[in-house]
Every structure is written in C-alpha cells, then in structure tokens.
Amino acid sequence: MVKYEQVKSGIGRPQDQKDTLLSLGFHRMHQVVELDTDNPCIAGMVRKVEHLLKKI
C-alpha cells in the first residue's frame, strides 16, 4: 500500500484523466489516498495520472 496526494487539479485535463482520478478515489486537491499498487490495474491508473499526484 502506497499513499498518494493529489497536487495538481484535474480541471482542463482530458475526460479520461478526470475519470481515472475519480476511480482512484480522488475528489479534491491535497486529498491523500492509500492505493495498492501491486494490482496491475491500479498501477496502470496511477501511471496515467502520475503527473497530477505526489507519492507520500
């Protein structure tokens, strides 16, 4: 389990990136979510929006 914080907004991003943020559980800026990156599906979603996140 790894903690990620959303540090950049999804506003102005493509719809698929916005949907990915919501699927990962991010709803607002500076929210911290603990994700299981051992799962290939979750790891792929994190890679898709890693420019908006910060690993804690």
PDB file of N, CA and C in Angstrom:
ATOM      1  N   MET A   1       0.840  -1.177   0.000  1.00  0.00           N
ATOM      2  CA  MET A   1       0.000   0.000   0.000  1.00  0.00           C
ATOM      3  C   MET A   1       0.892   1.251   0.000  1.00  0.00           C
ATOM      4  N   VAL A   2       0.563   2.162  -0.888  1.00  0.00           N
ATOM      5  CA  VAL A   2       1.316   3.401  -1.024  1.00  0.00           C
ATOM      6  C   VAL A   2       0.340   4.560  -0.948  1.00  0.00           C
ATOM      7  N   LYS A   3       0.748   5.642  -0.282  1.00  0.00           N
ATOM      8  CA  LYS A   3      -0.107   6.822  -0.179  1.00  0.00           C
ATOM      9  C   LYS A   3       0.259   7.823  -1.262  1.00  0.00           C
ATOM     10  N   TYR A   4      -0.772   8.375  -1.911  1.00  0.00           N
ATOM     11  CA  TYR A   4      -0.599   9.400  -2.930  1.00  0.00           C
ATOM     12  C   TYR A   4      -1.442  10.607  -2.561  1.00  0.00           C
ATOM     13  N   GLU A   5      -0.919  11.794  -2.890  1.00  0.00           N
ATOM     14  CA  GLU A   5      -1.640  13.041  -2.669  1.00  0.00           C
ATOM     15  C   GLU A   5      -1.854  13.707  -4.020  1.00  0.00           C
ATOM     16  N   GLN A   6      -3.054  14.218  -4.249  1.00  0.00           N
ATOM     17  CA  GLN A   6      -3.319  14.950  -5.481  1.00  0.00           C
ATOM     18  C   GLN A   6      -2.785  16.356  -5.314  1.00  0.00           C
ATOM     19  N   VAL A   7      -1.798  16.740  -6.148  1.00  0.00           N
ATOM     20  CA  VAL A   7      -1.161  18.043  -6.012  1.00  0.00           C
ATOM     21  C   VAL A   7      -1.485  18.976  -7.173  1.00  0.00           C
ATOM     22  N   LYS A   8      -2.071  18.448  -8.246  1.00  0.00           N
ATOM     23  CA  LYS A   8      -2.491  19.280  -9.367  1.00  0.00           C
ATOM     24  C   LYS A   8      -3.945  18.961  -9.688  1.00  0.00           C
ATOM     25  N   SER A   9      -4.636  19.947 -10.198  1.00  0.00           N
ATOM     26  CA  SER A   9      -6.058  19.831 -10.457  1.00  0.00           C
ATOM     27  C   SER A   9      -6.344  19.044 -11.739  1.00  0.00           C
ATOM     28  N   GLY A  10      -7.511  18.448 -11.780  1.00  0.00           N
ATOM     29  CA  GLY A  10      -7.970  17.765 -12.981  1.00  0.00           C
ATOM     30  C   GLY A  10      -8.671  18.699 -13.955  1.00  0.00           C
ATOM     31  N   ILE A  11      -8.851  19.958 -13.557  1.00  0.00           N
ATOM     32  CA  ILE A  11      -9.519  20.931 -14.423  1.00  0.00           C
ATOM     33  C   ILE A  11      -8.654  21.171 -15.656  1.00  0.00           C
ATOM     34  N   GLY A  12      -9.269  21.124 -16.814  1.00  0.00           N
ATOM     35  CA  GLY A  12      -8.556  21.342 -18.060  1.00  0.00           C
ATOM     36  C   GLY A  12      -7.864  20.104 -18.598  1.00  0.00           C
ATOM     37  N   ARG A  13      -7.981  18.993 -17.913  1.00  0.00           N
ATOM     38  CA  ARG A  13      -7.386  17.729 -18.348  1.00  0.00           C
ATOM     39  C   ARG A  13      -8.389  16.962 -19.200  1.00  0.00           C
ATOM     40  N   PRO A  14      -7.929  16.016 -20.011  1.00  0.00           N
ATOM     41  CA  PRO A  14      -8.855  15.185 -20.787  1.00  0.00           C
ATOM     42  C   PRO A  14      -9.808  14.420 -19.868  1.00  0.00           C
ATOM     43  N   GLN A  15     -10.976  14.111 -20.381  1.00  0.00           N
ATOM     44  CA  GLN A  15     -12.010  13.451 -19.584  1.00  0.00           C
ATOM     45  C   GLN A  15     -11.538  12.105 -19.032  1.00  0.00           C
ATOM     46  N   ASP A  16     -10.719  11.371 -19.790  1.00  0.00           N
ATOM     47  CA  ASP A  16     -10.262  10.073 -19.290  1.00  0.00           C
ATOM     48  C   ASP A  16      -9.373  10.224 -18.056  1.00  0.00           C
ATOM     49  N   GLN A  17      -8.593  11.308 -17.977  1.00  0.00           N
ATOM     50  CA  GLN A  17      -7.780  11.543 -16.786  1.00  0.00           C
ATOM     51  C   GLN A  17      -8.646  11.940 -15.595  1.00  0.00           C
ATOM     52  N   LYS A  18      -9.684  12.725 -15.829  1.00  0.00           N
ATOM     53  CA  LYS A  18     -10.617  13.087 -14.754  1.00  0.00           C
ATOM     54  C   LYS A  18     -11.305  11.841 -14.216  1.00  0.00           C
ATOM     55  N   ASP A  19     -11.732  10.961 -15.127  1.00  0.00           N
ATOM     56  CA  ASP A  19     -12.392   9.720 -14.717  1.00  0.00           C
ATOM     57  C   ASP A  19     -11.447   8.823 -13.929  1.00  0.00           C
ATOM     58  N   THR A  20     -10.177   8.798 -14.330  1.00  0.00           N
ATOM     59  CA  THR A  20      -9.189   7.984 -13.626  1.00  0.00           C
ATOM     60  C   THR A  20      -8.977   8.493 -12.204  1.00  0.00           C
ATOM     61  N   LEU A  21      -8.903   9.819 -12.042  1.00  0.00           N
ATOM     62  CA  LEU A  21      -8.761  10.382 -10.687  1.00  0.00           C
ATOM     63  C   LEU A  21      -9.930   9.968  -9.804  1.00  0.00           C
ATOM     64  N   LEU A  22     -11.134  10.052 -10.338  1.00  0.00           N
ATOM     65  CA  LEU A  22     -12.313   9.661  -9.558  1.00  0.00           C
ATOM     66  C   LEU A  22     -12.291   8.169  -9.237  1.00  0.00           C
ATOM     67  N   SER A  23     -11.865   7.356 -10.182  1.00  0.00           N
ATOM     68  CA  SER A  23     -11.804   5.906  -9.960  1.00  0.00           C
ATOM     69  C   SER A  23     -10.799   5.546  -8.871  1.00  0.00           C
ATOM     70  N   LEU A  24      -9.738   6.331  -8.777  1.00  0.00           N
ATOM     71  CA  LEU A  24      -8.735   6.090  -7.738  1.00  0.00           C
ATOM     72  C   LEU A  24      -9.184   6.613  -6.375  1.00  0.00           C
ATOM     73  N   GLY A  25     -10.243   7.417  -6.345  1.00  0.00           N
ATOM     74  CA  GLY A  25     -10.776   7.910  -5.075  1.00  0.00           C
ATOM     75  C   GLY A  25     -10.448   9.356  -4.776  1.00  0.00           C
ATOM     76  N   PHE A  26      -9.868  10.081  -5.733  1.00  0.00           N
ATOM     77  CA  PHE A  26      -9.547  11.485  -5.524  1.00  0.00           C
ATOM     78  C   PHE A  26     -10.737  12.356  -5.900  1.00  0.00           C
ATOM     79  N   HIS A  27     -11.147  13.221  -4.964  1.00  0.00           N
ATOM     80  CA  HIS A  27     -12.283  14.109  -5.194  1.00  0.00           C
ATOM     81  C   HIS A  27     -11.921  15.577  -5.048  1.00  0.00           C
ATOM     82  N   ARG A  28     -10.772  15.867  -4.432  1.00  0.00           N
ATOM     83  CA  ARG A  28     -10.369  17.264  -4.246  1.00  0.00           C
ATOM     84  C   ARG A  28      -8.845  17.338  -4.114  1.00  0.00           C
ATOM     85  N   MET A  29      -8.345  18.554  -4.241  1.00  0.00           N
ATOM     86  CA  MET A  29      -6.912  18.795  -4.153  1.00  0.00           C
ATOM     87  C   MET A  29      -6.393  18.465  -2.749  1.00  0.00           C
ATOM     88  N   HIS A  30      -5.166  18.005  -2.672  1.00  0.00           N
ATOM     89  CA  HIS A  30      -4.444  17.690  -1.437  1.00  0.00           C
ATOM     90  C   HIS A  30      -5.098  16.571  -0.638  1.00  0.00           C
ATOM     91  N   GLN A  31      -5.952  15.814  -1.294  1.00  0.00           N
ATOM     92  CA  GLN A  31      -6.531  14.636  -0.656  1.00  0.00           C
ATOM     93  C   GLN A  31      -5.511  13.502  -0.724  1.00  0.00           C
ATOM     94  N   VAL A  32      -5.388  12.743   0.347  1.00  0.00           N
ATOM     95  CA  VAL A  32      -4.456  11.623   0.406  1.00  0.00           C
ATOM     96  C   VAL A  32      -5.258  10.327   0.334  1.00  0.00           C
ATOM     97  N   VAL A  33      -4.827   9.438  -0.576  1.00  0.00           N
ATOM     98  CA  VAL A  33      -5.490   8.150  -0.758  1.00  0.00           C
ATOM     99  C   VAL A  33      -4.424   7.066  -0.706  1.00  0.00           C
ATOM    100  N   GLU A  34      -4.726   5.984  -0.017  1.00  0.00           N
ATOM    101  CA  GLU A  34      -3.818   4.845   0.059  1.00  0.00           C
ATOM    102  C   GLU A  34      -4.220   3.834  -1.012  1.00  0.00           C
ATOM    103  N   LEU A  35      -3.280   3.512  -1.906  1.00  0.00           N
ATOM    104  CA  LEU A  35      -3.574   2.643  -3.043  1.00  0.00           C
ATOM    105  C   LEU A  35      -2.676   1.412  -3.024  1.00  0.00           C
ATOM    106  N   ASP A  36      -3.218   0.300  -3.485  1.00  0.00           N
ATOM    107  CA  ASP A  36      -2.479  -0.950  -3.586  1.00  0.00           C
ATOM    108  C   ASP A  36      -1.885  -1.047  -4.991  1.00  0.00           C
ATOM    109  N   THR A  37      -0.628  -0.631  -5.160  1.00  0.00           N
ATOM    110  CA  THR A  37      -0.019  -0.611  -6.486  1.00  0.00           C
ATOM    111  C   THR A  37       0.504  -1.979  -6.904  1.00  0.00           C
ATOM    112  N   ASP A  38       0.294  -3.023  -6.083  1.00  0.00           N
ATOM    113  CA  ASP A  38       0.640  -4.378  -6.502  1.00  0.00           C
ATOM    114  C   ASP A  38      -0.342  -4.868  -7.545  1.00  0.00           C
ATOM    115  N   ASN A  39      -1.535  -4.293  -7.546  1.00  0.00           N
ATOM    116  CA  ASN A  39      -2.565  -4.643  -8.521  1.00  0.00           C
ATOM    117  C   ASN A  39      -2.227  -3.952  -9.844  1.00  0.00           C
ATOM    118  N   PRO A  40      -2.083  -4.698 -10.953  1.00  0.00           N
ATOM    119  CA  PRO A  40      -1.699  -4.089 -12.229  1.00  0.00           C
ATOM    120  C   PRO A  40      -2.698  -3.047 -12.726  1.00  0.00           C
ATOM    121  N   CYS A  41      -3.965  -3.213 -12.436  1.00  0.00           N
ATOM    122  CA  CYS A  41      -4.980  -2.241 -12.869  1.00  0.00           C
ATOM    123  C   CYS A  41      -4.765  -0.904 -12.160  1.00  0.00           C
ATOM    124  N   ILE A  42      -4.570  -0.942 -10.861  1.00  0.00           N
ATOM    125  CA  ILE A  42      -4.349   0.277 -10.089  1.00  0.00           C
ATOM    126  C   ILE A  42      -3.027   0.922 -10.495  1.00  0.00           C
ATOM    127  N   ALA A  43      -1.990   0.113 -10.692  1.00  0.00           N
ATOM    128  CA  ALA A  43      -0.682   0.646 -11.088  1.00  0.00           C
ATOM    129  C   ALA A  43      -0.774   1.367 -12.426  1.00  0.00           C
ATOM    130  N   GLY A  44      -1.548   0.835 -13.355  1.00  0.00           N
ATOM    131  CA  GLY A  44      -1.722   1.483 -14.651  1.00  0.00           C
ATOM    132  C   GLY A  44      -2.469   2.799 -14.540  1.00  0.00           C
ATOM    133  N   MET A  45      -3.479   2.840 -13.679  1.00  0.00           N
ATOM    134  CA  MET A  45      -4.219   4.088 -13.489  1.00  0.00           C
ATOM    135  C   MET A  45      -3.331   5.154 -12.847  1.00  0.00           C
ATOM    136  N   VAL A  46      -2.492   4.751 -11.900  1.00  0.00           N
ATOM    137  CA  VAL A  46      -1.581   5.706 -11.257  1.00  0.00           C
ATOM    138  C   VAL A  46      -0.601   6.255 -12.293  1.00  0.00           C
ATOM    139  N   ARG A  47      -0.066   5.392 -13.161  1.00  0.00           N
ATOM    140  CA  ARG A  47       0.851   5.856 -14.198  1.00  0.00           C
ATOM    141  C   ARG A  47       0.191   6.853 -15.138  1.00  0.00           C
ATOM    142  N   LYS A  48      -1.091   6.669 -15.397  1.00  0.00           N
ATOM    143  CA  LYS A  48      -1.814   7.552 -16.322  1.00  0.00           C
ATOM    144  C   LYS A  48      -1.926   8.976 -15.790  1.00  0.00           C
ATOM    145  N   VAL A  49      -2.027   9.126 -14.474  1.00  0.00           N
ATOM    146  CA  VAL A  49      -2.203  10.465 -13.882  1.00  0.00           C
ATOM    147  C   VAL A  49      -1.082  10.820 -12.907  1.00  0.00           C
ATOM    148  N   GLU A  50       0.082  10.175 -13.052  1.00  0.00           N
ATOM    149  CA  GLU A  50       1.168  10.418 -12.096  1.00  0.00           C
ATOM    150  C   GLU A  50       1.662  11.853 -12.107  1.00  0.00           C
ATOM    151  N   HIS A  51       1.421  12.596 -13.193  1.00  0.00           N
ATOM    152  CA  HIS A  51       1.834  13.995 -13.248  1.00  0.00           C
ATOM    153  C   HIS A  51       0.942  14.883 -12.375  1.00  0.00           C
ATOM    154  N   LEU A  52      -0.181  14.344 -11.885  1.00  0.00           N
ATOM    155  CA  LEU A  52      -1.080  15.090 -11.016  1.00  0.00           C
ATOM    156  C   LEU A  52      -0.935  14.675  -9.546  1.00  0.00           C
ATOM    157  N   LEU A  53      -0.147  13.644  -9.293  1.00  0.00           N
ATOM    158  CA  LEU A  53      -0.043  13.064  -7.950  1.00  0.00           C
ATOM    159  C   LEU A  53       1.368  13.200  -7.391  1.00  0.00           C
ATOM    160  N   LYS A  54       1.458  13.058  -6.068  1.00  0.00           N
ATOM    161  CA  LYS A  54       2.735  13.021  -5.378  1.00  0.00           C
ATOM    162  C   LYS A  54       2.712  11.825  -4.447  1.00  0.00           C
ATOM    163  N   LYS A  55       3.763  11.012  -4.522  1.00  0.00           N
ATOM    164  CA  LYS A  55       3.878   9.845  -3.653  1.00  0.00           C
ATOM    165  C   LYS A  55       4.337  10.286  -2.270  1.00  0.00           C
ATOM    166  N   ILE A  56       3.653   9.798  -1.257  1.00  0.00           N
ATOM    167  CA  ILE A  56       3.997  10.180   0.130  1.00  0.00           C
ATOM    168  C   ILE A  56       4.685   9.019   0.823  1.00  0.00           C
TER     169      ILE A  56
END
